[in-house]
Amino acid sequence: MKKIVCLLAALVCLSMTFSCKNQKKTSKEYPTFWTWLDYRQGMNFDSICQVMEDMGMDGIMLNAPTPDDYRVAVPIAHKHGIEVYAWLWTLNLEHRRDSIVAAHPEWLSVNRYGNSLADTTAYVDYYKFMCPALPEVREYLKNKVKAYCEVEGLNGIAIDYHRYVDVVLPTTLWPRYGVVQDREYPDWDYGYHPVMIDLFKKKYGYDPRDQEDPTMDLKWRQFRCDQVTEVANELAEVVHSYGKVMSASPFPTPKMSARMVRQDWGKWNLDIVFPMVYDGFYTRDVSFIRDCMIEDVCDKNPMTTLGCGMSAANSPLMFQRMNEAFNNGAQAISIFTVASMKDPEIRKQFRNYADSIKAVKKNSGGKIITEVPQRASNDIMTDHENLMKLIRNRMAQIVNADSVQINDYVFTGQENVTRNYDCKDDISGKTFVLSVWMYGDIVSGWDVKLKD
């Protein structure tokens, strides 16, 4: 408990304004502590809301099958002082997926090989992304959002899966899916629907597939990002026309997501955003949260309030993660998910933490005021001490030793986003290859192996 109190004390002492000049104040105050949650008929939603209230959580992004489900859930949440946003999958189909694919296979996204998700699997069966360039897809999504906006009392809409298939997965997920994605391979490089290709050709006068490596064509990459942005902003118009709040759950930073899933969310007209900064998927160290928040402060839409989405933890790690976010520009936190936080002691500490943060915001005009660097450091050797400890621990495990002694990391070259270093352990005499992935110009993943 003492460690958590110290972290809070450090946070409360922060009093400087953001150093990124493009930030502007927003007039609306949003809930500070959120969760994502699936809602299904028959669940005891009232008891979940009571747990949230007891923990000091005041916002929920709720995924329910139909608008009528929200008509039941919203009054229950409001009774506990909790705002409700409809958490909606957009470009990736969810509810009624099979029937929509059967009725409209021409809506589905196409990869560089020309294979459509209508009859191709990318990673998992539920990846059924639609092509954002199709007017029919845009109209379908706008009508879907309208149906949810018409729910009385619903506070906002939170879009998710508003992107393409992951052209590159977070590095820790590669073993799970049996892939190595040291570059962008055609299997997972989507956005090649014939309509998309035709639109690009009309604008730029050439077929991107004629390039030696289409993934290095910045015009083609940005064009696909822009199609997603256009749809996001069309949906925002719908949401705002109902007087509701527009939110999204994108990848960690605009630069990272543009490379990994063709999702340039810094250009979306969002009121509040919760980038999914899951450190366990990337570097396994909370410095990843720090780096992402620093980048997001500068690269988000200036009118968008910055939140931070993170994994739940039944340990002090939960508070370390939140401190990294709040200390580096976040104004709100969303946990995936409150249902995972079962430890009564952690729940009590969470309430104390939430009360302290809310007090800080109240005393500073409704905002956590911090000094944030212009850009995150990508120097892993000097500015990521705890991450380097993790790397050395991995090396020690590889050679079955208690520790290693590395005196020098020799840079051996960079290919695309991968930096490689040779490093010799003076104790075992073994030489390791350290690979560091730099998606979005920040440390986004790493791996260590013995040099052949």
Protein backbone atom coordinates (compact mmCIF):
# COMPACT_ATOMS: atom_id res chain seq x y z
CA MET A 1 0.00 0.00 0.00
CA LYS A 2 2.86 2.42 0.78
CA LYS A 3 4.18 2.15 -2.76
CA ILE A 4 0.78 3.04 -4.22
CA VAL A 5 0.42 6.00 -1.85
CA CYS A 6 3.84 7.27 -2.94
CA LEU A 7 2.85 7.00 -6.57
CA LEU A 8 -0.30 8.99 -5.86
CA ALA A 9 1.64 11.64 -3.99
CA ALA A 10 3.91 12.09 -6.96
CA LEU A 11 0.91 12.46 -9.21
CA VAL A 12 -0.82 15.01 -6.99
CA CYS A 13 2.30 17.19 -7.04
CA LEU A 14 2.18 17.66 -10.81
CA SER A 15 1.21 21.22 -11.67
CA MET A 16 2.73 22.17 -15.03
CA THR A 17 0.75 22.63 -18.26
CA PHE A 18 1.18 20.48 -21.38
CA SER A 19 4.24 21.42 -23.39
CA CYS A 20 2.69 20.35 -26.72
CA LYS A 21 1.47 23.60 -28.19
CA ASN A 22 -1.34 22.11 -30.24
CA GLN A 23 -3.46 21.18 -27.23
CA LYS A 24 -6.65 23.11 -26.50
CA LYS A 25 -9.07 22.91 -23.63
CA THR A 26 -12.33 21.09 -24.13
CA SER A 27 -15.46 22.32 -22.43
CA LYS A 28 -17.08 19.02 -21.45
CA GLU A 29 -15.88 16.96 -18.54
CA TYR A 30 -16.07 13.20 -19.03
CA PRO A 31 -16.05 10.33 -16.55
CA THR A 32 -12.54 9.56 -15.33
CA PHE A 33 -12.64 5.80 -14.70
CA TRP A 34 -14.24 3.49 -17.26
CA THR A 35 -14.48 -0.11 -18.32
CA TRP A 36 -15.40 -2.01 -21.46
CA LEU A 37 -18.01 -4.68 -20.82
CA ASP A 38 -20.20 -7.13 -22.74
CA TYR A 39 -23.90 -7.02 -21.86
CA ARG A 40 -26.23 -9.96 -22.35
CA GLN A 41 -29.82 -10.52 -21.33
CA GLY A 42 -30.14 -12.29 -18.01
CA MET A 43 -26.87 -11.04 -16.53
CA ASN A 44 -26.97 -9.26 -13.17
CA PHE A 45 -26.00 -5.90 -14.58
CA ASP A 46 -27.11 -4.06 -11.45
CA SER A 47 -24.56 -5.92 -9.32
CA ILE A 48 -21.79 -5.10 -11.80
CA CYS A 49 -22.74 -1.44 -11.69
CA GLN A 50 -22.68 -1.59 -7.89
CA VAL A 51 -19.12 -2.94 -8.01
CA MET A 52 -18.17 -0.13 -10.39
CA GLU A 53 -19.76 2.48 -8.15
CA ASP A 54 -17.96 1.06 -5.11
CA MET A 55 -14.65 1.27 -6.99
CA GLY A 56 -15.25 4.86 -8.11
CA MET A 57 -15.80 4.00 -11.77
CA ASP A 58 -18.19 6.34 -13.56
CA GLY A 59 -18.17 5.37 -17.25
CA ILE A 60 -18.85 2.19 -19.20
CA MET A 61 -18.46 1.28 -22.87
CA LEU A 62 -21.11 -1.40 -23.14
CA ASN A 63 -21.42 -3.91 -25.97
CA ALA A 64 -24.99 -5.20 -26.32
CA PRO A 65 -26.63 -7.03 -29.25
CA THR A 66 -29.53 -4.63 -29.84
CA PRO A 67 -30.65 -1.07 -29.08
CA ASP A 68 -33.42 -2.49 -26.89
CA ASP A 69 -30.77 -4.03 -24.61
CA TYR A 70 -29.47 -0.53 -23.93
CA ARG A 71 -32.97 0.65 -23.10
CA VAL A 72 -32.83 -1.84 -20.23
CA ALA A 73 -29.19 -1.26 -19.23
CA VAL A 74 -28.94 2.55 -19.36
CA PRO A 75 -31.36 3.33 -16.49
CA ILE A 76 -29.63 0.76 -14.29
CA ALA A 77 -26.20 2.31 -14.91
CA HIS A 78 -27.48 5.85 -14.44
CA LYS A 79 -28.92 4.84 -11.06
CA HIS A 80 -25.32 4.17 -10.01
CA GLY A 81 -23.99 7.42 -11.49
CA ILE A 82 -22.41 5.69 -14.49
CA GLU A 83 -22.49 7.10 -18.03
CA VAL A 84 -23.11 4.59 -20.81
CA TYR A 85 -21.63 4.57 -24.30
CA ALA A 86 -22.66 1.98 -26.87
CA TRP A 87 -19.50 0.06 -27.69
CA LEU A 88 -20.00 -0.80 -31.36
CA TRP A 89 -17.89 -2.77 -33.77
CA THR A 90 -18.04 -0.95 -37.08
CA LEU A 91 -15.88 -2.03 -40.04
CA ASN A 92 -15.52 -5.50 -38.56
CA LEU A 93 -18.92 -7.19 -38.42
CA GLU A 94 -20.15 -8.56 -35.12
CA HIS A 95 -23.87 -9.09 -34.48
CA ARG A 96 -25.64 -10.68 -37.47
CA ARG A 97 -22.20 -11.32 -39.00
CA ASP A 98 -23.01 -14.52 -40.88
CA SER A 99 -26.23 -13.24 -42.40
CA ILE A 100 -24.61 -10.01 -43.60
CA VAL A 101 -21.65 -11.85 -45.15
CA ALA A 102 -24.06 -14.21 -46.90
CA ALA A 103 -26.18 -11.34 -48.20
CA HIS A 104 -23.34 -9.01 -49.15
CA PRO A 105 -20.05 -10.87 -49.77
CA GLU A 106 -19.03 -8.00 -52.05
CA TRP A 107 -18.76 -5.74 -48.98
CA LEU A 108 -15.81 -7.66 -47.52
CA SER A 109 -12.22 -6.46 -47.56
CA VAL A 110 -9.63 -7.90 -49.97
CA ASN A 111 -5.92 -8.55 -49.38
CA ARG A 112 -2.93 -8.01 -51.67
CA TYR A 113 -3.31 -11.51 -53.08
CA GLY A 114 -6.85 -10.59 -54.15
CA ASN A 115 -8.50 -12.85 -51.56
CA SER A 116 -11.71 -11.61 -49.94
CA LEU A 117 -12.61 -12.10 -46.29
CA ALA A 118 -15.93 -13.41 -47.58
CA ASP A 119 -14.18 -16.74 -48.09
CA THR A 120 -10.74 -16.22 -46.49
CA THR A 121 -9.71 -16.32 -42.83
CA ALA A 122 -7.24 -13.79 -41.42
CA TYR A 123 -6.03 -14.92 -37.98
CA VAL A 124 -9.53 -15.69 -36.60
CA ASP A 125 -12.95 -16.56 -37.99
CA TYR A 126 -14.61 -13.41 -36.61
CA TYR A 127 -12.39 -11.08 -38.66
CA LYS A 128 -14.93 -10.02 -41.28
CA PHE A 129 -13.86 -6.50 -42.11
CA MET A 130 -15.78 -4.52 -44.69
CA CYS A 131 -14.31 -2.17 -47.28
CA PRO A 132 -14.67 1.46 -46.09
CA ALA A 133 -14.65 2.81 -49.67
CA LEU A 134 -18.03 1.28 -50.49
CA PRO A 135 -21.00 3.71 -50.25
CA GLU A 136 -23.22 0.78 -49.26
CA VAL A 137 -20.99 -0.04 -46.29
CA ARG A 138 -20.98 3.58 -45.16
CA GLU A 139 -24.77 3.78 -45.37
CA TYR A 140 -25.13 0.52 -43.45
CA LEU A 141 -22.89 1.81 -40.65
CA LYS A 142 -24.62 5.19 -40.42
CA ASN A 143 -27.99 3.51 -40.12
CA LYS A 144 -26.61 1.18 -37.47
CA VAL A 145 -25.28 4.09 -35.42
CA LYS A 146 -28.55 6.01 -35.80
CA ALA A 147 -30.47 3.08 -34.29
CA TYR A 148 -28.31 3.21 -31.16
CA CYS A 149 -28.32 7.00 -30.95
CA GLU A 150 -32.10 6.88 -30.70
CA VAL A 151 -31.87 5.12 -27.33
CA GLU A 152 -33.04 7.64 -24.76
CA GLY A 153 -30.43 8.40 -22.12
CA LEU A 154 -27.51 6.79 -23.95
CA ASN A 155 -24.58 9.15 -23.41
CA GLY A 156 -22.48 8.36 -26.44
CA ILE A 157 -21.12 5.99 -29.06
CA ALA A 158 -17.71 4.29 -28.82
CA ILE A 159 -16.59 2.71 -32.09
CA ASP A 160 -14.17 -0.21 -32.21
CA TYR A 161 -12.59 -2.36 -34.94
CA HIS A 162 -12.75 0.73 -37.12
CA ARG A 163 -9.80 -0.29 -39.26
CA TYR A 164 -8.46 -3.02 -41.53
CA VAL A 165 -7.08 -6.44 -40.63
CA ASP A 166 -3.82 -6.20 -38.65
CA VAL A 167 -1.10 -6.10 -41.29
CA VAL A 168 1.25 -6.54 -38.33
CA LEU A 169 0.24 -8.00 -34.97
CA PRO A 170 1.76 -6.84 -31.67
CA THR A 171 4.96 -8.82 -31.30
CA THR A 172 3.93 -10.91 -28.27
CA LEU A 173 0.99 -12.29 -30.28
CA TRP A 174 3.13 -13.74 -33.07
CA PRO A 175 3.65 -17.12 -31.32
CA ARG A 176 -0.07 -17.39 -30.55
CA TYR A 177 -0.91 -17.26 -34.25
CA GLY A 178 2.21 -19.03 -35.50
CA VAL A 179 3.46 -16.05 -37.53
CA VAL A 180 6.63 -13.99 -37.86
CA GLN A 181 5.86 -10.52 -39.17
CA ASP A 182 9.25 -8.94 -39.65
CA ARG A 183 7.72 -7.10 -42.61
CA GLU A 184 4.26 -6.52 -44.10
CA TYR A 185 3.22 -9.70 -45.87
CA PRO A 186 0.49 -9.91 -48.58
CA ASP A 187 -1.63 -12.36 -46.56
CA TRP A 188 -2.51 -9.70 -43.99
CA ASP A 189 -2.15 -6.56 -46.10
CA TYR A 190 -5.79 -5.60 -46.73
CA GLY A 191 -7.54 -2.73 -48.47
CA TYR A 192 -7.24 -4.00 -52.07
CA HIS A 193 -10.95 -4.11 -52.84
CA PRO A 194 -11.55 -3.33 -56.56
CA VAL A 195 -13.53 -0.20 -55.63
CA MET A 196 -10.65 1.01 -53.45
CA ILE A 197 -8.16 0.38 -56.25
CA ASP A 198 -10.34 2.26 -58.77
CA LEU A 199 -10.70 5.27 -56.48
CA PHE A 200 -6.94 5.39 -55.95
CA LYS A 201 -6.23 5.12 -59.68
CA LYS A 202 -8.61 7.99 -60.42
CA LYS A 203 -6.82 10.18 -57.89
CA TYR A 204 -3.18 9.26 -58.55
CA GLY A 205 -3.17 7.72 -62.01
CA TYR A 206 -1.58 4.36 -61.25
CA ASP A 207 -2.38 0.97 -59.74
CA PRO A 208 -0.62 0.52 -56.36
CA ARG A 209 -0.27 -3.19 -57.09
CA ASP A 210 2.22 -2.33 -59.84
CA GLN A 211 4.72 -1.09 -57.25
CA GLU A 212 7.60 -3.40 -56.36
CA ASP A 213 6.52 -3.19 -52.72
CA PRO A 214 3.05 -1.59 -52.29
CA THR A 215 3.51 -1.39 -48.52
CA MET A 216 6.24 1.22 -49.00
CA ASP A 217 4.00 3.43 -51.16
CA LEU A 218 3.11 6.20 -48.70
CA LYS A 219 0.32 7.55 -50.94
CA TRP A 220 -1.35 4.15 -51.03
CA ARG A 221 -0.99 3.65 -47.28
CA GLN A 222 -2.41 7.10 -46.52
CA PHE A 223 -5.24 6.68 -49.03
CA ARG A 224 -6.46 3.60 -47.22
CA CYS A 225 -6.15 5.38 -43.88
CA ASP A 226 -8.13 8.30 -45.26
CA GLN A 227 -11.01 6.04 -46.30
CA VAL A 228 -11.30 4.84 -42.71
CA THR A 229 -11.08 8.43 -41.47
CA GLU A 230 -13.87 9.54 -43.81
CA VAL A 231 -16.18 6.85 -42.42
CA ALA A 232 -15.27 7.73 -38.80
CA ASN A 233 -16.08 11.37 -39.39
CA GLU A 234 -19.35 10.55 -41.16
CA LEU A 235 -20.33 8.52 -38.12
CA ALA A 236 -19.27 11.39 -35.85
CA GLU A 237 -21.65 13.68 -37.73
CA VAL A 238 -24.48 11.27 -37.03
CA VAL A 239 -23.59 10.96 -33.34
CA HIS A 240 -23.24 14.70 -32.87
CA SER A 241 -26.55 15.35 -34.65
CA TYR A 242 -28.21 13.46 -31.78
CA GLY A 243 -26.35 15.54 -29.19
CA LYS A 244 -24.30 12.56 -28.06
CA VAL A 245 -20.57 12.03 -27.50
CA MET A 246 -18.32 10.36 -30.07
CA SER A 247 -15.55 8.07 -28.85
CA ALA A 248 -13.32 5.30 -30.21
CA SER A 249 -10.98 2.52 -29.09
CA PRO A 250 -8.12 2.58 -31.62
CA PHE A 251 -4.57 1.19 -31.60
CA PRO A 252 -2.00 2.81 -29.26
CA THR A 253 -0.93 5.89 -31.27
CA PRO A 254 -1.93 7.40 -34.63
CA LYS A 255 1.49 6.63 -36.11
CA MET A 256 1.53 3.05 -34.82
CA SER A 257 -2.01 2.34 -35.94
CA ALA A 258 -1.41 3.81 -39.40
CA ARG A 259 1.38 1.26 -39.91
CA MET A 260 -0.21 -1.70 -38.14
CA VAL A 261 -3.89 -1.46 -39.16
CA ARG A 262 -4.12 1.58 -41.53
CA GLN A 263 -5.95 3.61 -38.89
CA ASP A 264 -4.93 7.29 -38.69
CA TRP A 265 -7.17 8.19 -35.76
CA GLY A 266 -5.53 11.53 -34.97
CA LYS A 267 -7.69 12.93 -37.81
CA TRP A 268 -10.98 11.61 -36.47
CA ASN A 269 -13.51 14.06 -35.02
CA LEU A 270 -13.72 12.39 -31.64
CA ASP A 271 -14.78 13.96 -28.36
CA ILE A 272 -12.83 11.46 -26.26
CA VAL A 273 -10.55 8.61 -27.29
CA PHE A 274 -9.31 5.49 -25.48
CA PRO A 275 -6.31 4.10 -27.40
CA MET A 276 -5.75 0.48 -26.42
CA VAL A 277 -2.32 0.76 -24.81
CA TYR A 278 -1.92 -2.85 -23.68
CA ASP A 279 1.72 -3.01 -22.58
CA GLY A 280 1.54 -6.79 -22.27
CA PHE A 281 0.98 -7.07 -26.02
CA TYR A 282 4.03 -4.98 -26.84
CA THR A 283 7.06 -4.42 -24.58
CA ARG A 284 5.65 -5.97 -21.36
CA ASP A 285 6.78 -2.86 -19.50
CA VAL A 286 4.72 0.14 -18.35
CA SER A 287 7.14 2.51 -20.09
CA PHE A 288 5.18 1.61 -23.23
CA ILE A 289 2.14 3.37 -21.72
CA ARG A 290 4.27 6.43 -21.00
CA ASP A 291 5.65 6.56 -24.54
CA CYS A 292 2.24 6.15 -26.15
CA MET A 293 0.60 8.84 -24.05
CA ILE A 294 3.39 11.30 -24.86
CA GLU A 295 2.89 10.67 -28.57
CA ASP A 296 -0.90 10.80 -28.31
CA VAL A 297 -0.91 14.17 -26.55
CA CYS A 298 0.75 15.66 -29.63
CA ASP A 299 -0.81 13.59 -32.42
CA LYS A 300 -4.48 13.34 -31.45
CA ASN A 301 -7.10 15.75 -32.75
CA PRO A 302 -6.57 18.91 -30.62
CA MET A 303 -10.28 18.96 -29.72
CA THR A 304 -10.26 15.34 -28.49
CA THR A 305 -9.89 14.51 -24.80
CA LEU A 306 -7.25 11.82 -24.33
CA GLY A 307 -8.07 8.70 -22.36
CA CYS A 308 -6.03 5.52 -22.05
CA GLY A 309 -7.24 1.95 -22.41
CA MET A 310 -5.30 -0.68 -20.47
CA SER A 311 -5.47 -4.24 -19.21
CA ALA A 312 -6.82 -4.97 -15.74
CA ALA A 313 -4.46 -6.28 -13.07
CA ASN A 314 -5.18 -7.73 -9.62
CA SER A 315 -1.96 -6.28 -8.23
CA PRO A 316 -0.10 -2.97 -7.73
CA LEU A 317 0.70 -3.17 -11.46
CA MET A 318 -2.78 -1.72 -12.01
CA PHE A 319 -1.75 1.49 -10.26
CA GLN A 320 1.64 1.65 -11.95
CA ARG A 321 -0.11 1.50 -15.31
CA MET A 322 -2.58 4.23 -14.39
CA ASN A 323 0.16 6.48 -13.06
CA GLU A 324 2.09 6.19 -16.31
CA ALA A 325 -1.05 7.29 -18.15
CA PHE A 326 -2.06 10.17 -15.89
CA ASN A 327 1.51 11.40 -15.50
CA ASN A 328 1.84 11.69 -19.28
CA GLY A 329 -1.31 13.38 -20.48
CA ALA A 330 -4.28 11.03 -20.03
CA GLN A 331 -7.46 12.52 -18.59
CA ALA A 332 -9.34 9.24 -18.19
CA ILE A 333 -8.71 5.50 -17.92
CA SER A 334 -10.64 2.55 -19.28
CA ILE A 335 -9.96 -0.92 -17.91
CA PHE A 336 -10.37 -4.14 -19.86
CA THR A 337 -12.23 -5.21 -17.90
CA VAL A 338 -13.70 -4.55 -14.45
CA ALA A 339 -14.95 -8.15 -14.33
CA SER A 340 -11.30 -9.27 -14.09
CA MET A 341 -10.62 -7.23 -10.95
CA LYS A 342 -11.85 -9.62 -8.28
CA ASP A 343 -9.35 -9.00 -5.45
CA PRO A 344 -11.27 -7.12 -2.69
CA GLU A 345 -8.13 -5.35 -1.50
CA ILE A 346 -7.25 -4.13 -4.99
CA ARG A 347 -10.83 -2.91 -5.41
CA LYS A 348 -10.54 -0.89 -2.19
CA GLN A 349 -7.21 0.57 -3.29
CA PHE A 350 -8.74 1.38 -6.66
CA ARG A 351 -11.46 3.41 -4.93
CA ASN A 352 -8.86 5.33 -2.94
CA TYR A 353 -6.90 5.96 -6.11
CA ALA A 354 -10.02 7.09 -7.99
CA ASP A 355 -11.00 9.50 -5.23
CA SER A 356 -7.50 10.99 -5.21
CA ILE A 357 -7.44 11.51 -8.97
CA LYS A 358 -10.88 13.08 -8.97
CA ALA A 359 -9.78 15.44 -6.20
CA VAL A 360 -6.78 16.48 -8.28
CA LYS A 361 -9.04 17.17 -11.26
CA LYS A 362 -11.50 19.14 -9.15
CA ASN A 363 -8.73 21.32 -7.75
CA SER A 364 -7.32 22.06 -11.21
CA GLY A 365 -10.45 22.99 -13.12
CA GLY A 366 -11.51 19.50 -14.13
CA LYS A 367 -8.24 18.46 -15.70
CA ILE A 368 -5.09 16.55 -14.79
CA ILE A 369 -2.38 19.11 -15.56
CA THR A 370 1.02 17.67 -16.43
CA GLU A 371 4.19 18.57 -18.26
CA VAL A 372 4.65 16.21 -21.21
CA PRO A 373 7.73 16.01 -23.47
CA GLN A 374 7.31 16.91 -27.11
CA ARG A 375 8.11 13.34 -28.15
CA ALA A 376 8.78 10.00 -26.50
CA SER A 377 12.38 8.83 -26.42
CA ASN A 378 13.15 5.86 -28.66
CA ASP A 379 16.58 5.33 -27.09
CA ILE A 380 16.01 1.97 -25.46
CA MET A 381 19.49 1.82 -23.89
CA THR A 382 19.34 5.02 -21.85
CA ASP A 383 15.66 5.86 -21.37
CA HIS A 384 14.01 2.47 -20.71
CA GLU A 385 15.78 1.16 -17.62
CA ASN A 386 13.09 -1.28 -16.48
CA LEU A 387 12.63 -2.58 -20.01
CA MET A 388 16.36 -3.26 -20.26
CA LYS A 389 16.11 -5.25 -17.02
CA LEU A 390 13.43 -7.41 -18.62
CA ILE A 391 15.66 -7.95 -21.63
CA ARG A 392 18.64 -8.96 -19.49
CA ASN A 393 16.44 -11.31 -17.47
CA ARG A 394 15.37 -12.99 -20.71
CA MET A 395 19.02 -13.39 -21.70
CA ALA A 396 19.79 -14.98 -18.33
CA GLN A 397 16.93 -17.45 -18.81
CA ILE A 398 18.24 -18.42 -22.23
CA VAL A 399 21.65 -19.39 -20.82
CA ASN A 400 20.19 -20.80 -17.56
CA ALA A 401 22.03 -18.27 -15.43
CA ASP A 402 21.09 -15.99 -12.55
CA SER A 403 22.26 -12.94 -14.44
CA VAL A 404 24.23 -11.67 -17.41
CA GLN A 405 26.81 -8.92 -17.74
CA ILE A 406 26.42 -6.90 -20.92
CA ASN A 407 28.83 -4.01 -21.33
CA ASP A 408 28.03 -3.01 -24.89
CA TYR A 409 25.15 -3.16 -27.34
CA VAL A 410 26.54 -3.00 -30.86
CA PHE A 411 24.07 -1.66 -33.41
CA THR A 412 24.23 -3.91 -36.49
CA GLY A 413 21.62 -2.27 -38.69
CA GLN A 414 17.98 -1.42 -39.19
CA GLU A 415 15.58 -2.92 -41.72
CA ASN A 416 12.25 -1.15 -41.99
CA VAL A 417 11.06 -0.83 -38.35
CA THR A 418 13.47 -3.43 -36.87
CA ARG A 419 16.68 -2.41 -35.10
CA ASN A 420 19.23 -5.13 -34.38
CA TYR A 421 22.02 -5.19 -31.82
CA ASP A 422 24.74 -7.71 -30.95
CA CYS A 423 25.50 -7.99 -27.25
CA LYS A 424 27.99 -10.31 -25.57
CA ASP A 425 27.52 -11.69 -22.07
CA ASP A 426 30.91 -11.52 -20.32
CA ILE A 427 29.86 -14.24 -17.85
CA SER A 428 28.73 -17.00 -20.22
CA GLY A 429 30.67 -15.82 -23.26
CA LYS A 430 27.49 -16.08 -25.35
CA THR A 431 26.48 -13.44 -27.85
CA PHE A 432 22.85 -12.44 -28.22
CA VAL A 433 20.93 -10.70 -30.97
CA LEU A 434 18.54 -8.10 -29.60
CA SER A 435 15.79 -7.06 -32.02
CA VAL A 436 13.75 -3.95 -31.23
CA TRP A 437 10.62 -3.04 -33.18
CA MET A 438 9.90 0.66 -33.63
CA TYR A 439 6.36 1.00 -34.91
CA GLY A 440 5.29 4.65 -34.80
CA ASP A 441 8.85 5.71 -33.92
CA ILE A 442 8.55 4.36 -30.38
CA VAL A 443 9.77 1.14 -28.78
CA SER A 444 6.90 -1.22 -29.62
CA GLY A 445 8.34 -4.68 -29.01
CA TRP A 446 11.53 -6.69 -28.68
CA ASP A 447 13.00 -10.16 -28.83
CA VAL A 448 16.26 -11.83 -27.84
CA LYS A 449 17.95 -14.93 -29.23
CA LEU A 450 21.38 -16.47 -29.26
CA LYS A 451 23.50 -15.49 -32.22
CA ASP A 452 24.16 -18.38 -34.59
